[in-house]
Amino acid sequence: MPGSDQGELDVSKSDALDRLSMLIQRLKPLDRQIIVLYLEGMDAATTGEITGLSPANVAMKIHRIKKILTRWFQTGGLDAG
């Protein structure tokens, strides 16, 4: 059926975004705020002003949060640490 592959891809993307959103909700409040600001396109300096952290600390936290989310996503979110 023409276009069915695209429909499956759209569902797959939607499912992945839903899973990622649920995993973000599991983060500590500060980490959640940092990653949401990052996803909204805020730079480290602006995020630092909002959170009270240095831009270098924000950048390091973003790196670590992305690693945590990747691990949780790959393990189905079962890894709590």
PDB file of N, CA and C in Angstrom:
ATOM      1  N   MET A   1       0.851  -1.177   0.000  1.00  0.00           N
ATOM      2  CA  MET A   1       0.000   0.000   0.000  1.00  0.00           C
ATOM      3  C   MET A   1       0.896   1.239   0.000  1.00  0.00           C
ATOM      4  N   PRO A   2       0.757   2.136  -0.971  1.00  0.00           N
ATOM      5  CA  PRO A   2       1.595   3.332  -1.042  1.00  0.00           C
ATOM      6  C   PRO A   2       1.405   4.222   0.187  1.00  0.00           C
ATOM      7  N   GLY A   3       2.520   4.702   0.714  1.00  0.00           N
ATOM      8  CA  GLY A   3       2.471   5.618   1.849  1.00  0.00           C
ATOM      9  C   GLY A   3       2.362   4.963   3.197  1.00  0.00           C
ATOM     10  N   SER A   4       2.183   3.650   3.242  1.00  0.00           N
ATOM     11  CA  SER A   4       2.026   2.999   4.544  1.00  0.00           C
ATOM     12  C   SER A   4       3.322   3.042   5.344  1.00  0.00           C
ATOM     13  N   ASP A   5       4.468   3.024   4.648  1.00  0.00           N
ATOM     14  CA  ASP A   5       5.744   3.131   5.361  1.00  0.00           C
ATOM     15  C   ASP A   5       5.852   4.469   6.077  1.00  0.00           C
ATOM     16  N   GLN A   6       5.395   5.529   5.433  1.00  0.00           N
ATOM     17  CA  GLN A   6       5.445   6.858   6.049  1.00  0.00           C
ATOM     18  C   GLN A   6       4.542   6.919   7.276  1.00  0.00           C
ATOM     19  N   GLY A   7       3.382   6.306   7.189  1.00  0.00           N
ATOM     20  CA  GLY A   7       2.472   6.275   8.330  1.00  0.00           C
ATOM     21  C   GLY A   7       3.065   5.533   9.503  1.00  0.00           C
ATOM     22  N   GLU A   8       3.736   4.418   9.229  1.00  0.00           N
ATOM     23  CA  GLU A   8       4.394   3.655  10.294  1.00  0.00           C
ATOM     24  C   GLU A   8       5.535   4.455  10.905  1.00  0.00           C
ATOM     25  N   LEU A   9       6.273   5.191  10.061  1.00  0.00           N
ATOM     26  CA  LEU A   9       7.375   6.018  10.551  1.00  0.00           C
ATOM     27  C   LEU A   9       6.841   7.130  11.448  1.00  0.00           C
ATOM     28  N   ASP A  10       5.712   7.745  11.044  1.00  0.00           N
ATOM     29  CA  ASP A  10       5.116   8.810  11.855  1.00  0.00           C
ATOM     30  C   ASP A  10       4.684   8.273  13.220  1.00  0.00           C
ATOM     31  N   VAL A  11       4.088   7.077  13.250  1.00  0.00           N
ATOM     32  CA  VAL A  11       3.669   6.467  14.511  1.00  0.00           C
ATOM     33  C   VAL A  11       4.887   6.154  15.360  1.00  0.00           C
ATOM     34  N   SER A  12       5.936   5.639  14.731  1.00  0.00           N
ATOM     35  CA  SER A  12       7.158   5.313  15.458  1.00  0.00           C
ATOM     36  C   SER A  12       7.777   6.562  16.089  1.00  0.00           C
ATOM     37  N   LYS A  13       7.812   7.654  15.329  1.00  0.00           N
ATOM     38  CA  LYS A  13       8.346   8.917  15.854  1.00  0.00           C
ATOM     39  C   LYS A  13       7.487   9.417  17.009  1.00  0.00           C
ATOM     40  N   SER A  14       6.184   9.319  16.830  1.00  0.00           N
ATOM     41  CA  SER A  14       5.261   9.765  17.871  1.00  0.00           C
ATOM     42  C   SER A  14       5.445   8.949  19.147  1.00  0.00           C
ATOM     43  N   ASP A  15       5.575   7.636  19.005  1.00  0.00           N
ATOM     44  CA  ASP A  15       5.800   6.768  20.166  1.00  0.00           C
ATOM     45  C   ASP A  15       7.112   7.115  20.858  1.00  0.00           C
ATOM     46  N   ALA A  16       8.155   7.359  20.057  1.00  0.00           N
ATOM     47  CA  ALA A  16       9.460   7.702  20.616  1.00  0.00           C
ATOM     48  C   ALA A  16       9.389   9.020  21.383  1.00  0.00           C
ATOM     49  N   LEU A  17       8.682  10.004  20.831  1.00  0.00           N
ATOM     50  CA  LEU A  17       8.542  11.290  21.516  1.00  0.00           C
ATOM     51  C   LEU A  17       7.742  11.150  22.808  1.00  0.00           C
ATOM     52  N   ASP A  18       6.718  10.312  22.776  1.00  0.00           N
ATOM     53  CA  ASP A  18       5.935  10.060  23.993  1.00  0.00           C
ATOM     54  C   ASP A  18       6.812   9.423  25.064  1.00  0.00           C
ATOM     55  N   ARG A  19       7.619   8.434  24.676  1.00  0.00           N
ATOM     56  CA  ARG A  19       8.521   7.774  25.629  1.00  0.00           C
ATOM     57  C   ARG A  19       9.535   8.759  26.184  1.00  0.00           C
ATOM     58  N   LEU A  20      10.112   9.585  25.301  1.00  0.00           N
ATOM     59  CA  LEU A  20      11.096  10.566  25.749  1.00  0.00           C
ATOM     60  C   LEU A  20      10.471  11.549  26.726  1.00  0.00           C
ATOM     61  N   SER A  21       9.265  11.992  26.443  1.00  0.00           N
ATOM     62  CA  SER A  21       8.562  12.911  27.334  1.00  0.00           C
ATOM     63  C   SER A  21       8.346  12.288  28.713  1.00  0.00           C
ATOM     64  N   MET A  22       7.966  11.019  28.739  1.00  0.00           N
ATOM     65  CA  MET A  22       7.760  10.331  30.026  1.00  0.00           C
ATOM     66  C   MET A  22       9.086  10.199  30.785  1.00  0.00           C
ATOM     67  N   LEU A  23      10.165   9.939  30.065  1.00  0.00           N
ATOM     68  CA  LEU A  23      11.464   9.812  30.716  1.00  0.00           C
ATOM     69  C   LEU A  23      11.930  11.150  31.268  1.00  0.00           C
ATOM     70  N   ILE A  24      11.691  12.222  30.542  1.00  0.00           N
ATOM     71  CA  ILE A  24      12.058  13.559  31.023  1.00  0.00           C
ATOM     72  C   ILE A  24      11.322  13.859  32.324  1.00  0.00           C
ATOM     73  N   GLN A  25      10.076  13.419  32.442  1.00  0.00           N
ATOM     74  CA  GLN A  25       9.312  13.656  33.663  1.00  0.00           C
ATOM     75  C   GLN A  25       9.917  12.936  34.867  1.00  0.00           C
ATOM     76  N   ARG A  26      10.703  11.888  34.635  1.00  0.00           N
ATOM     77  CA  ARG A  26      11.330  11.143  35.724  1.00  0.00           C
ATOM     78  C   ARG A  26      12.587  11.830  36.267  1.00  0.00           C
ATOM     79  N   LEU A  27      13.093  12.818  35.548  1.00  0.00           N
ATOM     80  CA  LEU A  27      14.305  13.511  35.987  1.00  0.00           C
ATOM     81  C   LEU A  27      14.039  14.331  37.244  1.00  0.00           C
ATOM     82  N   LYS A  28      15.112  14.646  37.956  1.00  0.00           N
ATOM     83  CA  LYS A  28      15.014  15.569  39.087  1.00  0.00           C
ATOM     84  C   LYS A  28      14.531  16.916  38.546  1.00  0.00           C
ATOM     85  N   PRO A  29      13.824  17.698  39.365  1.00  0.00           N
ATOM     86  CA  PRO A  29      13.255  18.966  38.877  1.00  0.00           C
ATOM     87  C   PRO A  29      14.266  19.894  38.187  1.00  0.00           C
ATOM     88  N   LEU A  30      15.457  20.077  38.765  1.00  0.00           N
ATOM     89  CA  LEU A  30      16.439  20.964  38.142  1.00  0.00           C
ATOM     90  C   LEU A  30      16.903  20.398  36.803  1.00  0.00           C
ATOM     91  N   ASP A  31      17.174  19.097  36.755  1.00  0.00           N
ATOM     92  CA  ASP A  31      17.593  18.471  35.500  1.00  0.00           C
ATOM     93  C   ASP A  31      16.494  18.573  34.451  1.00  0.00           C
ATOM     94  N   ARG A  32      15.245  18.396  34.878  1.00  0.00           N
ATOM     95  CA  ARG A  32      14.111  18.518  33.959  1.00  0.00           C
ATOM     96  C   ARG A  32      14.042  19.929  33.397  1.00  0.00           C
ATOM     97  N   GLN A  33      14.205  20.930  34.258  1.00  0.00           N
ATOM     98  CA  GLN A  33      14.162  22.317  33.806  1.00  0.00           C
ATOM     99  C   GLN A  33      15.285  22.593  32.814  1.00  0.00           C
ATOM    100  N   ILE A  34      16.467  22.105  33.099  1.00  0.00           N
ATOM    101  CA  ILE A  34      17.614  22.335  32.220  1.00  0.00           C
ATOM    102  C   ILE A  34      17.386  21.698  30.851  1.00  0.00           C
ATOM    103  N   ILE A  35      16.933  20.456  30.812  1.00  0.00           N
ATOM    104  CA  ILE A  35      16.762  19.785  29.520  1.00  0.00           C
ATOM    105  C   ILE A  35      15.604  20.389  28.729  1.00  0.00           C
ATOM    106  N   VAL A  36      14.554  20.821  29.402  1.00  0.00           N
ATOM    107  CA  VAL A  36      13.438  21.469  28.693  1.00  0.00           C
ATOM    108  C   VAL A  36      13.914  22.785  28.081  1.00  0.00           C
ATOM    109  N   LEU A  37      14.669  23.571  28.830  1.00  0.00           N
ATOM    110  CA  LEU A  37      15.203  24.817  28.280  1.00  0.00           C
ATOM    111  C   LEU A  37      16.134  24.532  27.100  1.00  0.00           C
ATOM    112  N   TYR A  38      16.943  23.488  27.210  1.00  0.00           N
ATOM    113  CA  TYR A  38      17.828  23.079  26.121  1.00  0.00           C
ATOM    114  C   TYR A  38      17.005  22.715  24.881  1.00  0.00           C
ATOM    115  N   LEU A  39      15.950  21.939  25.070  1.00  0.00           N
ATOM    116  CA  LEU A  39      15.114  21.522  23.948  1.00  0.00           C
ATOM    117  C   LEU A  39      14.360  22.697  23.325  1.00  0.00           C
ATOM    118  N   GLU A  40      14.132  23.740  24.126  1.00  0.00           N
ATOM    119  CA  GLU A  40      13.486  24.947  23.609  1.00  0.00           C
ATOM    120  C   GLU A  40      14.476  25.870  22.908  1.00  0.00           C
ATOM    121  N   GLY A  41      15.759  25.486  22.894  1.00  0.00           N
ATOM    122  CA  GLY A  41      16.764  26.256  22.168  1.00  0.00           C
ATOM    123  C   GLY A  41      17.521  27.286  22.989  1.00  0.00           C
ATOM    124  N   MET A  42      17.350  27.254  24.302  1.00  0.00           N
ATOM    125  CA  MET A  42      18.081  28.193  25.158  1.00  0.00           C
ATOM    126  C   MET A  42      19.555  27.812  25.200  1.00  0.00           C
ATOM    127  N   ASP A  43      20.411  28.822  25.196  1.00  0.00           N
ATOM    128  CA  ASP A  43      21.835  28.537  25.320  1.00  0.00           C
ATOM    129  C   ASP A  43      22.205  28.378  26.792  1.00  0.00           C
ATOM    130  N   ALA A  44      23.430  27.909  27.036  1.00  0.00           N
ATOM    131  CA  ALA A  44      23.877  27.623  28.407  1.00  0.00           C
ATOM    132  C   ALA A  44      23.898  28.880  29.273  1.00  0.00           C
ATOM    133  N   ALA A  45      24.265  30.016  28.689  1.00  0.00           N
ATOM    134  CA  ALA A  45      24.328  31.256  29.469  1.00  0.00           C
ATOM    135  C   ALA A  45      22.930  31.672  29.948  1.00  0.00           C
ATOM    136  N   THR A  46      21.954  31.607  29.052  1.00  0.00           N
ATOM    137  CA  THR A  46      20.584  31.977  29.415  1.00  0.00           C
ATOM    138  C   THR A  46      20.014  30.997  30.431  1.00  0.00           C
ATOM    139  N   THR A  47      20.259  29.701  30.200  1.00  0.00           N
ATOM    140  CA  THR A  47      19.792  28.689  31.150  1.00  0.00           C
ATOM    141  C   THR A  47      20.442  28.905  32.506  1.00  0.00           C
ATOM    142  N   GLY A  48      21.706  29.284  32.502  1.00  0.00           N
ATOM    143  CA  GLY A  48      22.409  29.575  33.749  1.00  0.00           C
ATOM    144  C   GLY A  48      21.787  30.735  34.506  1.00  0.00           C
ATOM    145  N   GLU A  49      21.392  31.765  33.773  1.00  0.00           N
ATOM    146  CA  GLU A  49      20.739  32.910  34.415  1.00  0.00           C
ATOM    147  C   GLU A  49      19.417  32.492  35.060  1.00  0.00           C
ATOM    148  N   ILE A  50      18.689  31.616  34.397  1.00  0.00           N
ATOM    149  CA  ILE A  50      17.395  31.170  34.902  1.00  0.00           C
ATOM    150  C   ILE A  50      17.559  30.254  36.118  1.00  0.00           C
ATOM    151  N   THR A  51      18.547  29.360  36.064  1.00  0.00           N
ATOM    152  CA  THR A  51      18.715  28.342  37.112  1.00  0.00           C
ATOM    153  C   THR A  51      19.684  28.741  38.211  1.00  0.00           C
ATOM    154  N   GLY A  52      20.493  29.772  37.973  1.00  0.00           N
ATOM    155  CA  GLY A  52      21.484  30.173  38.957  1.00  0.00           C
ATOM    156  C   GLY A  52      22.783  29.387  38.856  1.00  0.00           C
ATOM    157  N   LEU A  53      22.929  28.597  37.798  1.00  0.00           N
ATOM    158  CA  LEU A  53      24.151  27.818  37.586  1.00  0.00           C
ATOM    159  C   LEU A  53      25.058  28.537  36.605  1.00  0.00           C
ATOM    160  N   SER A  54      26.333  28.193  36.630  1.00  0.00           N
ATOM    161  CA  SER A  54      27.248  28.763  35.649  1.00  0.00           C
ATOM    162  C   SER A  54      26.987  28.117  34.292  1.00  0.00           C
ATOM    163  N   PRO A  55      27.295  28.821  33.213  1.00  0.00           N
ATOM    164  CA  PRO A  55      27.117  28.230  31.882  1.00  0.00           C
ATOM    165  C   PRO A  55      27.895  26.917  31.712  1.00  0.00           C
ATOM    166  N   ALA A  56      29.075  26.833  32.288  1.00  0.00           N
ATOM    167  CA  ALA A  56      29.866  25.602  32.201  1.00  0.00           C
ATOM    168  C   ALA A  56      29.161  24.452  32.921  1.00  0.00           C
ATOM    169  N   ASN A  57      28.577  24.737  34.075  1.00  0.00           N
ATOM    170  CA  ASN A  57      27.845  23.726  34.827  1.00  0.00           C
ATOM    171  C   ASN A  57      26.604  23.282  34.044  1.00  0.00           C
ATOM    172  N   VAL A  58      25.918  24.224  33.422  1.00  0.00           N
ATOM    173  CA  VAL A  58      24.746  23.902  32.611  1.00  0.00           C
ATOM    174  C   VAL A  58      25.147  22.978  31.461  1.00  0.00           C
ATOM    175  N   ALA A  59      26.223  23.320  30.773  1.00  0.00           N
ATOM    176  CA  ALA A  59      26.683  22.506  29.648  1.00  0.00           C
ATOM    177  C   ALA A  59      27.025  21.087  30.107  1.00  0.00           C
ATOM    178  N   MET A  60      27.696  20.970  31.250  1.00  0.00           N
ATOM    179  CA  MET A  60      28.046  19.652  31.772  1.00  0.00           C
ATOM    180  C   MET A  60      26.779  18.872  32.135  1.00  0.00           C
ATOM    181  N   LYS A  61      25.826  19.543  32.773  1.00  0.00           N
ATOM    182  CA  LYS A  61      24.582  18.871  33.147  1.00  0.00           C
ATOM    183  C   LYS A  61      23.809  18.406  31.912  1.00  0.00           C
ATOM    184  N   ILE A  62      23.769  19.221  30.855  1.00  0.00           N
ATOM    185  CA  ILE A  62      23.083  18.826  29.631  1.00  0.00           C
ATOM    186  C   ILE A  62      23.714  17.556  29.073  1.00  0.00           C
ATOM    187  N   HIS A  63      25.023  17.523  29.039  1.00  0.00           N
ATOM    188  CA  HIS A  63      25.735  16.335  28.546  1.00  0.00           C
ATOM    189  C   HIS A  63      25.349  15.106  29.371  1.00  0.00           C
ATOM    190  N   ARG A  64      25.367  15.232  30.679  1.00  0.00           N
ATOM    191  CA  ARG A  64      25.040  14.106  31.560  1.00  0.00           C
ATOM    192  C   ARG A  64      23.574  13.695  31.447  1.00  0.00           C
ATOM    193  N   ILE A  65      22.683  14.668  31.357  1.00  0.00           N
ATOM    194  CA  ILE A  65      21.255  14.373  31.245  1.00  0.00           C
ATOM    195  C   ILE A  65      20.983  13.628  29.940  1.00  0.00           C
ATOM    196  N   LYS A  66      21.611  14.052  28.859  1.00  0.00           N
ATOM    197  CA  LYS A  66      21.427  13.372  27.576  1.00  0.00           C
ATOM    198  C   LYS A  66      21.900  11.925  27.653  1.00  0.00           C
ATOM    199  N   LYS A  67      22.997  11.681  28.360  1.00  0.00           N
ATOM    200  CA  LYS A  67      23.485  10.314  28.524  1.00  0.00           C
ATOM    201  C   LYS A  67      22.492   9.479  29.337  1.00  0.00           C
ATOM    202  N   ILE A  68      21.945  10.063  30.397  1.00  0.00           N
ATOM    203  CA  ILE A  68      20.954   9.366  31.228  1.00  0.00           C
ATOM    204  C   ILE A  68      19.712   9.036  30.399  1.00  0.00           C
ATOM    205  N   LEU A  69      19.199  10.017  29.672  1.00  0.00           N
ATOM    206  CA  LEU A  69      17.995   9.800  28.873  1.00  0.00           C
ATOM    207  C   LEU A  69      18.236   8.747  27.788  1.00  0.00           C
ATOM    208  N   THR A  70      19.417   8.778  27.185  1.00  0.00           N
ATOM    209  CA  THR A  70      19.752   7.771  26.167  1.00  0.00           C
ATOM    210  C   THR A  70      19.749   6.377  26.773  1.00  0.00           C
ATOM    211  N   ARG A  71      20.370   6.245  27.943  1.00  0.00           N
ATOM    212  CA  ARG A  71      20.423   4.936  28.605  1.00  0.00           C
ATOM    213  C   ARG A  71      19.016   4.454  28.970  1.00  0.00           C
ATOM    214  N   TRP A  72      18.222   5.338  29.559  1.00  0.00           N
ATOM    215  CA  TRP A  72      16.851   4.974  29.929  1.00  0.00           C
ATOM    216  C   TRP A  72      16.045   4.595  28.687  1.00  0.00           C
ATOM    217  N   PHE A  73      16.192   5.363  27.606  1.00  0.00           N
ATOM    218  CA  PHE A  73      15.435   5.105  26.391  1.00  0.00           C
ATOM    219  C   PHE A  73      15.803   3.735  25.815  1.00  0.00           C
ATOM    220  N   GLN A  74      17.091   3.430  25.815  1.00  0.00           N
ATOM    221  CA  GLN A  74      17.556   2.160  25.239  1.00  0.00           C
ATOM    222  C   GLN A  74      17.174   0.959  26.090  1.00  0.00           C
ATOM    223  N   THR A  75      17.016   1.157  27.396  1.00  0.00           N
ATOM    224  CA  THR A  75      16.665   0.049  28.272  1.00  0.00           C
ATOM    225  C   THR A  75      15.161   0.010  28.558  1.00  0.00           C
ATOM    226  N   GLY A  76      14.424   0.818  27.856  1.00  0.00           N
ATOM    227  CA  GLY A  76      12.982   0.844  28.070  1.00  0.00           C
ATOM    228  C   GLY A  76      12.566   1.615  29.300  1.00  0.00           C
ATOM    229  N   GLY A  77      13.488   2.415  29.840  1.00  0.00           N
ATOM    230  CA  GLY A  77      13.173   3.230  31.011  1.00  0.00           C
ATOM    231  C   GLY A  77      13.180   2.478  32.318  1.00  0.00           C
ATOM    232  N   LEU A  78      13.702   1.251  32.284  1.00  0.00           N
ATOM    233  CA  LEU A  78      13.687   0.420  33.490  1.00  0.00           C
ATOM    234  C   LEU A  78      14.863   0.704  34.409  1.00  0.00           C
ATOM    235  N   ASP A  79      15.903   1.329  33.852  1.00  0.00           N
ATOM    236  CA  ASP A  79      17.098   1.627  34.637  1.00  0.00           C
ATOM    237  C   ASP A  79      16.869   2.939  35.380  1.00  0.00           C
ATOM    238  N   ALA A  80      16.731   2.871  36.683  1.00  0.00           N
ATOM    239  CA  ALA A  80      16.410   4.077  37.470  1.00  0.00           C
ATOM    240  C   ALA A  80      17.621   4.937  37.729  1.00  0.00           C
ATOM    241  N   GLY A  81      18.819   4.473  37.482  1.00  0.00           N
ATOM    242  CA  GLY A  81      20.000   5.242  37.854  1.00  0.00           C
ATOM    243  C   GLY A  81      20.753   5.815  36.782  1.00  0.00           C
TER     244      GLY A  81
END
